[in-house]
PDB file of all heavy atoms in Angstrom:
ATOM      1  N   SER A   1     -67.984 171.783 -33.689  1.00  0.00           N
ATOM      2  CA  SER A   1     -68.261 171.917 -32.250  1.00  0.00           C
ATOM      3  C   SER A   1     -69.673 172.457 -32.072  1.00  0.00           C
ATOM      4  O   SER A   1     -70.186 173.197 -32.917  1.00  0.00           O
ATOM      5  CB  SER A   1     -67.255 172.855 -31.588  1.00  0.00           C
ATOM      6  OG  SER A   1     -67.622 173.099 -30.246  1.00  0.00           O
ATOM      7  N   THR A   2     -70.303 172.093 -30.954  1.00  0.00           N
ATOM      8  CA  THR A   2     -71.629 172.617 -30.610  1.00  0.00           C
ATOM      9  C   THR A   2     -71.538 173.882 -29.779  1.00  0.00           C
ATOM     10  O   THR A   2     -72.549 174.430 -29.342  1.00  0.00           O
ATOM     11  CB  THR A   2     -72.436 171.560 -29.829  1.00  0.00           C
ATOM     12  OG1 THR A   2     -71.700 171.199 -28.643  1.00  0.00           O
ATOM     13  CG2 THR A   2     -72.663 170.316 -30.680  1.00  0.00           C
ATOM     14  N   SER A   3     -70.317 174.362 -29.537  1.00  0.00           N
ATOM     15  CA  SER A   3     -70.131 175.549 -28.714  1.00  0.00           C
ATOM     16  C   SER A   3     -70.767 176.783 -29.356  1.00  0.00           C
ATOM     17  O   SER A   3     -70.748 176.949 -30.568  1.00  0.00           O
ATOM     18  CB  SER A   3     -68.634 175.800 -28.507  1.00  0.00           C
ATOM     19  OG  SER A   3     -68.424 177.046 -27.870  1.00  0.00           O
ATOM     20  N   LYS A   4     -71.317 177.644 -28.505  1.00  0.00           N
ATOM     21  CA  LYS A   4     -71.889 178.911 -28.991  1.00  0.00           C
ATOM     22  C   LYS A   4     -70.821 179.845 -29.536  1.00  0.00           C
ATOM     23  O   LYS A   4     -71.129 180.806 -30.234  1.00  0.00           O
ATOM     24  CB  LYS A   4     -72.650 179.590 -27.852  1.00  0.00           C
ATOM     25  CG  LYS A   4     -73.867 178.800 -27.357  1.00  0.00           C
ATOM     26  CD  LYS A   4     -74.546 179.539 -26.205  1.00  0.00           C
ATOM     27  CE  LYS A   4     -75.761 178.747 -25.703  1.00  0.00           C
ATOM     28  NZ  LYS A   4     -76.434 179.445 -24.573  1.00  0.00           N
ATOM     29  N   LYS A   5     -69.560 179.556 -29.180  1.00  0.00           N
ATOM     30  CA  LYS A   5     -68.465 180.423 -29.623  1.00  0.00           C
ATOM     31  C   LYS A   5     -67.877 179.986 -30.972  1.00  0.00           C
ATOM     32  O   LYS A   5     -66.910 180.567 -31.432  1.00  0.00           O
ATOM     33  CB  LYS A   5     -67.336 180.418 -28.579  1.00  0.00           C
ATOM     34  CG  LYS A   5     -67.718 181.042 -27.246  1.00  0.00           C
ATOM     35  CD  LYS A   5     -66.526 181.044 -26.299  1.00  0.00           C
ATOM     36  CE  LYS A   5     -66.866 181.700 -24.982  1.00  0.00           C
ATOM     37  NZ  LYS A   5     -65.694 181.711 -24.052  1.00  0.00           N
ATOM     38  N   ARG A   6     -68.482 178.975 -31.616  1.00  0.00           N
ATOM     39  CA  ARG A   6     -67.895 178.440 -32.843  1.00  0.00           C
ATOM     40  C   ARG A   6     -67.805 179.494 -33.947  1.00  0.00           C
ATOM     41  O   ARG A   6     -66.761 179.658 -34.576  1.00  0.00           O
ATOM     42  CB  ARG A   6     -68.691 177.240 -33.335  1.00  0.00           C
ATOM     43  CG  ARG A   6     -68.037 176.548 -34.543  1.00  0.00           C
ATOM     44  CD  ARG A   6     -68.731 175.244 -34.892  1.00  0.00           C
ATOM     45  NE  ARG A   6     -68.030 174.570 -35.974  1.00  0.00           N
ATOM     46  CZ  ARG A   6     -68.264 174.789 -37.281  1.00  0.00           C
ATOM     47  NH1 ARG A   6     -69.212 175.664 -37.634  1.00  0.00           N
ATOM     48  NH2 ARG A   6     -67.569 174.141 -38.204  1.00  0.00           N
ATOM     49  N   ASP A   7     -68.896 180.222 -34.168  1.00  0.00           N
ATOM     50  CA  ASP A   7     -68.885 181.246 -35.218  1.00  0.00           C
ATOM     51  C   ASP A   7     -67.860 182.336 -34.915  1.00  0.00           C
ATOM     52  O   ASP A   7     -67.153 182.815 -35.800  1.00  0.00           O
ATOM     53  CB  ASP A   7     -70.281 181.875 -35.374  1.00  0.00           C
ATOM     54  CG  ASP A   7     -71.287 180.900 -35.952  1.00  0.00           C
ATOM     55  OD1 ASP A   7     -70.859 179.906 -36.575  1.00  0.00           O
ATOM     56  OD2 ASP A   7     -72.509 181.110 -35.779  1.00  0.00           O
ATOM     57  N   GLU A   8     -67.775 182.704 -33.624  1.00  0.00           N
ATOM     58  CA  GLU A   8     -66.795 183.720 -33.217  1.00  0.00           C
ATOM     59  C   GLU A   8     -65.377 183.220 -33.431  1.00  0.00           C
ATOM     60  O   GLU A   8     -64.497 183.969 -33.877  1.00  0.00           O
ATOM     61  CB  GLU A   8     -67.009 184.096 -31.757  1.00  0.00           C
ATOM     62  CG  GLU A   8     -66.109 185.223 -31.265  1.00  0.00           C
ATOM     63  CD  GLU A   8     -66.310 185.541 -29.801  1.00  0.00           C
ATOM     64  OE1 GLU A   8     -67.248 184.987 -29.167  1.00  0.00           O
ATOM     65  OE2 GLU A   8     -65.509 186.339 -29.251  1.00  0.00           O
ATOM     66  N   ALA A   9     -65.168 181.923 -33.147  1.00  0.00           N
ATOM     67  CA  ALA A   9     -63.835 181.344 -33.319  1.00  0.00           C
ATOM     68  C   ALA A   9     -63.446 181.295 -34.788  1.00  0.00           C
ATOM     69  O   ALA A   9     -62.298 181.604 -35.148  1.00  0.00           O
ATOM     70  CB  ALA A   9     -63.798 179.941 -32.726  1.00  0.00           C
ATOM     71  N   ILE A  10     -64.408 180.956 -35.657  1.00  0.00           N
ATOM     72  CA  ILE A  10     -64.127 180.888 -37.095  1.00  0.00           C
ATOM     73  C   ILE A  10     -63.791 182.285 -37.631  1.00  0.00           C
ATOM     74  O   ILE A  10     -62.837 182.469 -38.396  1.00  0.00           O
ATOM     75  CB  ILE A  10     -65.327 180.285 -37.848  1.00  0.00           C
ATOM     76  CG1 ILE A  10     -65.478 178.797 -37.481  1.00  0.00           C
ATOM     77  CG2 ILE A  10     -65.144 180.433 -39.357  1.00  0.00           C
ATOM     78  CD1 ILE A  10     -66.713 178.141 -38.067  1.00  0.00           C
ATOM     79  N   GLU A  11     -64.592 183.271 -37.215  1.00  0.00           N
ATOM     80  CA  GLU A  11     -64.341 184.637 -37.670  1.00  0.00           C
ATOM     81  C   GLU A  11     -62.982 185.132 -37.202  1.00  0.00           C
ATOM     82  O   GLU A  11     -62.236 185.770 -37.953  1.00  0.00           O
ATOM     83  CB  GLU A  11     -65.453 185.553 -37.144  1.00  0.00           C
ATOM     84  CG  GLU A  11     -65.300 186.999 -37.604  1.00  0.00           C
ATOM     85  CD  GLU A  11     -66.385 187.901 -37.071  1.00  0.00           C
ATOM     86  OE1 GLU A  11     -67.289 187.400 -36.364  1.00  0.00           O
ATOM     87  OE2 GLU A  11     -66.342 189.110 -37.338  1.00  0.00           O
ATOM     88  N   PHE A  12     -62.640 184.800 -35.941  1.00  0.00           N
ATOM     89  CA  PHE A  12     -61.353 185.254 -35.389  1.00  0.00           C
ATOM     90  C   PHE A  12     -60.178 184.632 -36.129  1.00  0.00           C
ATOM     91  O   PHE A  12     -59.227 185.320 -36.512  1.00  0.00           O
ATOM     92  CB  PHE A  12     -61.269 184.911 -33.894  1.00  0.00           C
ATOM     93  CG  PHE A  12     -59.976 185.301 -33.244  1.00  0.00           C
ATOM     94  CD1 PHE A  12     -59.738 186.607 -32.840  1.00  0.00           C
ATOM     95  CD2 PHE A  12     -58.961 184.355 -33.040  1.00  0.00           C
ATOM     96  CE1 PHE A  12     -58.538 186.974 -32.255  1.00  0.00           C
ATOM     97  CE2 PHE A  12     -57.759 184.709 -32.456  1.00  0.00           C
ATOM     98  CZ  PHE A  12     -57.547 186.018 -32.064  1.00  0.00           C
ATOM     99  N   VAL A  13     -60.246 183.321 -36.355  1.00  0.00           N
ATOM    100  CA  VAL A  13     -59.108 182.637 -36.973  1.00  0.00           C
ATOM    101  C   VAL A  13     -58.959 183.030 -38.439  1.00  0.00           C
ATOM    102  O   VAL A  13     -57.843 183.071 -38.977  1.00  0.00           O
ATOM    103  CB  VAL A  13     -59.250 181.096 -36.796  1.00  0.00           C
ATOM    104  CG1 VAL A  13     -60.270 180.515 -37.772  1.00  0.00           C
ATOM    105  CG2 VAL A  13     -57.901 180.412 -36.975  1.00  0.00           C
ATOM    106  N   LYS A  14     -60.073 183.365 -39.103  1.00  0.00           N
ATOM    107  CA  LYS A  14     -59.994 183.786 -40.494  1.00  0.00           C
ATOM    108  C   LYS A  14     -59.283 185.132 -40.633  1.00  0.00           C
ATOM    109  O   LYS A  14     -58.737 185.436 -41.704  1.00  0.00           O
ATOM    110  CB  LYS A  14     -61.398 183.863 -41.115  1.00  0.00           C
ATOM    111  CG  LYS A  14     -61.990 182.508 -41.500  1.00  0.00           C
ATOM    112  CD  LYS A  14     -63.330 182.680 -42.168  1.00  0.00           C
ATOM    113  CE  LYS A  14     -63.875 181.339 -42.663  1.00  0.00           C
ATOM    114  NZ  LYS A  14     -65.195 181.492 -43.339  1.00  0.00           N
ATOM    115  N   ASN A  15     -59.313 185.912 -39.583  1.00  0.00           N
ATOM    116  CA  ASN A  15     -58.665 187.223 -39.612  1.00  0.00           C
ATOM    117  C   ASN A  15     -57.151 187.148 -39.360  1.00  0.00           C
ATOM    118  O   ASN A  15     -56.461 188.176 -39.412  1.00  0.00           O
ATOM    119  CB  ASN A  15     -59.291 188.161 -38.578  1.00  0.00           C
ATOM    120  CG  ASN A  15     -60.673 188.627 -38.987  1.00  0.00           C
ATOM    121  OD1 ASN A  15     -60.950 188.799 -40.170  1.00  0.00           O
ATOM    122  ND2 ASN A  15     -61.570 188.795 -38.024  1.00  0.00           N
ATOM    123  N   GLN A  16     -56.637 185.960 -39.067  1.00  0.00           N
ATOM    124  CA  GLN A  16     -55.207 185.792 -38.840  1.00  0.00           C
ATOM    125  C   GLN A  16     -54.476 185.657 -40.170  1.00  0.00           C
ATOM    126  O   GLN A  16     -54.954 184.958 -41.088  1.00  0.00           O
ATOM    127  CB  GLN A  16     -54.937 184.564 -37.955  1.00  0.00           C
ATOM    128  CG  GLN A  16     -55.663 184.571 -36.627  1.00  0.00           C
ATOM    129  CD  GLN A  16     -55.421 185.848 -35.833  1.00  0.00           C
ATOM    130  OE1 GLN A  16     -54.287 186.293 -35.678  1.00  0.00           O
ATOM    131  NE2 GLN A  16     -56.502 186.449 -35.357  1.00  0.00           N
ATOM    132  N   PRO A  17     -53.311 186.285 -40.331  1.00  0.00           N
ATOM    133  CA  PRO A  17     -52.574 186.205 -41.612  1.00  0.00           C
ATOM    134  C   PRO A  17     -52.121 184.799 -41.947  1.00  0.00           C
ATOM    135  O   PRO A  17     -51.807 184.507 -43.118  1.00  0.00           O
ATOM    136  CB  PRO A  17     -51.384 187.136 -41.384  1.00  0.00           C
ATOM    137  CG  PRO A  17     -51.238 187.249 -39.896  1.00  0.00           C
ATOM    138  CD  PRO A  17     -52.624 187.122 -39.342  1.00  0.00           C
ATOM    139  N   THR A  18     -52.059 183.909 -40.975  1.00  0.00           N
ATOM    140  CA  THR A  18     -51.589 182.532 -41.218  1.00  0.00           C
ATOM    141  C   THR A  18     -52.749 181.534 -41.262  1.00  0.00           C
ATOM    142  O   THR A  18     -52.543 180.327 -41.085  1.00  0.00           O
ATOM    143  CB  THR A  18     -50.608 182.112 -40.101  1.00  0.00           C
ATOM    144  OG1 THR A  18     -51.259 182.292 -38.826  1.00  0.00           O
ATOM    145  CG2 THR A  18     -49.340 182.949 -40.138  1.00  0.00           C
ATOM    146  N   TYR A  19     -53.936 182.022 -41.478  1.00  0.00           N
ATOM    147  CA  TYR A  19     -55.139 181.149 -41.493  1.00  0.00           C
ATOM    148  C   TYR A  19     -55.026 180.080 -42.566  1.00  0.00           C
ATOM    149  O   TYR A  19     -54.522 180.300 -43.666  1.00  0.00           O
ATOM    150  CB  TYR A  19     -56.385 182.012 -41.761  1.00  0.00           C
ATOM    151  CG  TYR A  19     -57.626 181.183 -42.047  1.00  0.00           C
ATOM    152  CD1 TYR A  19     -58.264 180.464 -41.028  1.00  0.00           C
ATOM    153  CD2 TYR A  19     -58.148 181.129 -43.332  1.00  0.00           C
ATOM    154  CE1 TYR A  19     -59.421 179.726 -41.294  1.00  0.00           C
ATOM    155  CE2 TYR A  19     -59.290 180.394 -43.611  1.00  0.00           C
ATOM    156  CZ  TYR A  19     -59.924 179.680 -42.587  1.00  0.00           C
ATOM    157  OH  TYR A  19     -61.062 178.941 -42.847  1.00  0.00           O
ATOM    158  N   PHE A  20     -55.510 178.877 -42.223  1.00  0.00           N
ATOM    159  CA  PHE A  20     -55.593 177.785 -43.191  1.00  0.00           C
ATOM    160  C   PHE A  20     -56.860 176.973 -42.921  1.00  0.00           C
ATOM    161  O   PHE A  20     -57.431 177.022 -41.823  1.00  0.00           O
ATOM    162  CB  PHE A  20     -54.360 176.881 -43.136  1.00  0.00           C
ATOM    163  CG  PHE A  20     -54.196 176.163 -41.817  1.00  0.00           C
ATOM    164  CD1 PHE A  20     -54.864 174.969 -41.550  1.00  0.00           C
ATOM    165  CD2 PHE A  20     -53.357 176.684 -40.838  1.00  0.00           C
ATOM    166  CE1 PHE A  20     -54.682 174.309 -40.339  1.00  0.00           C
ATOM    167  CE2 PHE A  20     -53.188 176.029 -39.615  1.00  0.00           C
ATOM    168  CZ  PHE A  20     -53.853 174.847 -39.366  1.00  0.00           C
ATOM    169  N   THR A  21     -57.299 176.236 -43.911  1.00  0.00           N
ATOM    170  CA  THR A  21     -58.495 175.400 -43.746  1.00  0.00           C
ATOM    171  C   THR A  21     -58.375 174.191 -44.664  1.00  0.00           C
ATOM    172  O   THR A  21     -57.648 174.203 -45.662  1.00  0.00           O
ATOM    173  CB  THR A  21     -59.773 176.183 -44.066  1.00  0.00           C
ATOM    174  OG1 THR A  21     -60.925 175.367 -43.792  1.00  0.00           O
ATOM    175  CG2 THR A  21     -59.808 176.635 -45.527  1.00  0.00           C
ATOM    176  N   SER A  22     -59.109 173.155 -44.301  1.00  0.00           N
ATOM    177  CA  SER A  22     -59.135 171.935 -45.125  1.00  0.00           C
ATOM    178  C   SER A  22     -60.462 171.218 -44.868  1.00  0.00           C
ATOM    179  O   SER A  22     -61.088 171.380 -43.817  1.00  0.00           O
ATOM    180  CB  SER A  22     -57.954 171.008 -44.794  1.00  0.00           C
ATOM    181  OG  SER A  22     -58.042 170.572 -43.451  1.00  0.00           O
ATOM    182  N   GLY A  23     -60.895 170.419 -45.846  1.00  0.00           N
ATOM    183  CA  GLY A  23     -62.134 169.674 -45.706  1.00  0.00           C
ATOM    184  C   GLY A  23     -63.362 170.540 -45.948  1.00  0.00           C
ATOM    185  O   GLY A  23     -63.260 171.753 -46.163  1.00  0.00           O
ATOM    186  N   GLU A  24     -64.512 169.901 -45.858  1.00  0.00           N
ATOM    187  CA  GLU A  24     -65.774 170.607 -46.088  1.00  0.00           C
ATOM    188  C   GLU A  24     -66.824 170.162 -45.097  1.00  0.00           C
ATOM    189  O   GLU A  24     -66.718 169.097 -44.465  1.00  0.00           O
ATOM    190  CB  GLU A  24     -66.270 170.342 -47.508  1.00  0.00           C
ATOM    191  CG  GLU A  24     -65.356 170.864 -48.604  1.00  0.00           C
ATOM    192  CD  GLU A  24     -65.907 170.583 -49.994  1.00  0.00           C
ATOM    193  OE1 GLU A  24     -66.950 169.901 -50.079  1.00  0.00           O
ATOM    194  OE2 GLU A  24     -65.286 171.025 -50.973  1.00  0.00           O
ATOM    195  N   GLY A  25     -67.855 170.998 -44.948  1.00  0.00           N
ATOM    196  CA  GLY A  25     -68.989 170.658 -44.086  1.00  0.00           C
ATOM    197  C   GLY A  25     -68.569 170.432 -42.652  1.00  0.00           C
ATOM    198  O   GLY A  25     -67.753 171.176 -42.097  1.00  0.00           O
ATOM    199  N   LYS A  26     -69.103 169.373 -42.049  1.00  0.00           N
ATOM    200  CA  LYS A  26     -68.773 169.071 -40.656  1.00  0.00           C
ATOM    201  C   LYS A  26     -67.330 168.610 -40.497  1.00  0.00           C
ATOM    202  O   LYS A  26     -66.799 168.581 -39.390  1.00  0.00           O
ATOM    203  CB  LYS A  26     -69.720 168.000 -40.110  1.00  0.00           C
ATOM    204  CG  LYS A  26     -71.159 168.491 -39.929  1.00  0.00           C
ATOM    205  CD  LYS A  26     -71.999 167.423 -39.257  1.00  0.00           C
ATOM    206  CE  LYS A  26     -73.425 167.934 -39.003  1.00  0.00           C
ATOM    207  NZ  LYS A  26     -74.262 166.908 -38.317  1.00  0.00           N
ATOM    208  N   GLU A  27     -66.718 168.215 -41.623  1.00  0.00           N
ATOM    209  CA  GLU A  27     -65.327 167.750 -41.566  1.00  0.00           C
ATOM    210  C   GLU A  27     -64.325 168.885 -41.760  1.00  0.00           C
ATOM    211  O   GLU A  27     -63.121 168.668 -41.714  1.00  0.00           O
ATOM    212  CB  GLU A  27     -65.091 166.695 -42.663  1.00  0.00           C
ATOM    213  CG  GLU A  27     -66.009 165.486 -42.571  1.00  0.00           C
ATOM    214  CD  GLU A  27     -65.839 164.753 -41.241  1.00  0.00           C
ATOM    215  OE1 GLU A  27     -64.686 164.628 -40.803  1.00  0.00           O
ATOM    216  OE2 GLU A  27     -66.859 164.313 -40.683  1.00  0.00           O
ATOM    217  N   GLN A  28     -64.832 170.102 -41.944  1.00  0.00           N
ATOM    218  CA  GLN A  28     -63.920 171.218 -42.228  1.00  0.00           C
ATOM    219  C   GLN A  28     -63.091 171.580 -40.989  1.00  0.00           C
ATOM    220  O   GLN A  28     -63.606 171.630 -39.877  1.00  0.00           O
ATOM    221  CB  GLN A  28     -64.695 172.445 -42.699  1.00  0.00           C
ATOM    222  CG  GLN A  28     -63.799 173.594 -43.145  1.00  0.00           C
ATOM    223  CD  GLN A  28     -64.569 174.748 -43.740  1.00  0.00           C
ATOM    224  OE1 GLN A  28     -65.801 174.817 -43.629  1.00  0.00           O
ATOM    225  NE2 GLN A  28     -63.864 175.667 -44.386  1.00  0.00           N
ATOM    226  N   ILE A  29     -61.827 171.820 -41.252  1.00  0.00           N
ATOM    227  CA  ILE A  29     -60.876 172.197 -40.190  1.00  0.00           C
ATOM    228  C   ILE A  29     -60.447 173.640 -40.416  1.00  0.00           C
ATOM    229  O   ILE A  29     -60.110 174.038 -41.523  1.00  0.00           O
ATOM    230  CB  ILE A  29     -59.630 171.279 -40.203  1.00  0.00           C
ATOM    231  CG1 ILE A  29     -60.031 169.823 -39.962  1.00  0.00           C
ATOM    232  CG2 ILE A  29     -58.618 171.748 -39.135  1.00  0.00           C
ATOM    233  CD1 ILE A  29     -60.639 169.557 -38.597  1.00  0.00           C
ATOM    234  N   HIS A  30     -60.447 174.434 -39.360  1.00  0.00           N
ATOM    235  CA  HIS A  30     -59.949 175.803 -39.410  1.00  0.00           C
ATOM    236  C   HIS A  30     -58.735 175.908 -38.483  1.00  0.00           C
ATOM    237  O   HIS A  30     -58.699 175.263 -37.436  1.00  0.00           O
ATOM    238  CB  HIS A  30     -61.016 176.799 -38.939  1.00  0.00           C
ATOM    239  CG  HIS A  30     -62.296 176.730 -39.707  1.00  0.00           C
ATOM    240  ND1 HIS A  30     -62.492 177.444 -40.867  1.00  0.00           N
ATOM    241  CD2 HIS A  30     -63.444 176.021 -39.482  1.00  0.00           C
ATOM    242  CE1 HIS A  30     -63.700 177.203 -41.332  1.00  0.00           C
ATOM    243  NE2 HIS A  30     -64.311 176.344 -40.504  1.00  0.00           N
ATOM    244  N   GLY A  31     -57.791 176.703 -38.868  1.00  0.00           N
ATOM    245  CA  GLY A  31     -56.619 176.856 -37.994  1.00  0.00           C
ATOM    246  C   GLY A  31     -55.733 178.017 -38.397  1.00  0.00           C
ATOM    247  O   GLY A  31     -55.947 178.660 -39.425  1.00  0.00           O
ATOM    248  N   ALA A  32     -54.740 178.295 -37.577  1.00  0.00           N
ATOM    249  CA  ALA A  32     -53.763 179.352 -37.861  1.00  0.00           C
ATOM    250  C   ALA A  32     -52.507 179.077 -37.059  1.00  0.00           C
ATOM    251  O   ALA A  32     -52.521 178.313 -36.074  1.00  0.00           O
ATOM    252  CB  ALA A  32     -54.328 180.726 -37.531  1.00  0.00           C
TER     253      ALA A  32
END
């Protein structure tokens, strides 16, 4: 995403105990 909140969103979701990710680079998916 081009959103200014992207880094904040990634940091927030990584702090969740159910965090998961897949792919790399621009194809990387973050979630929880």
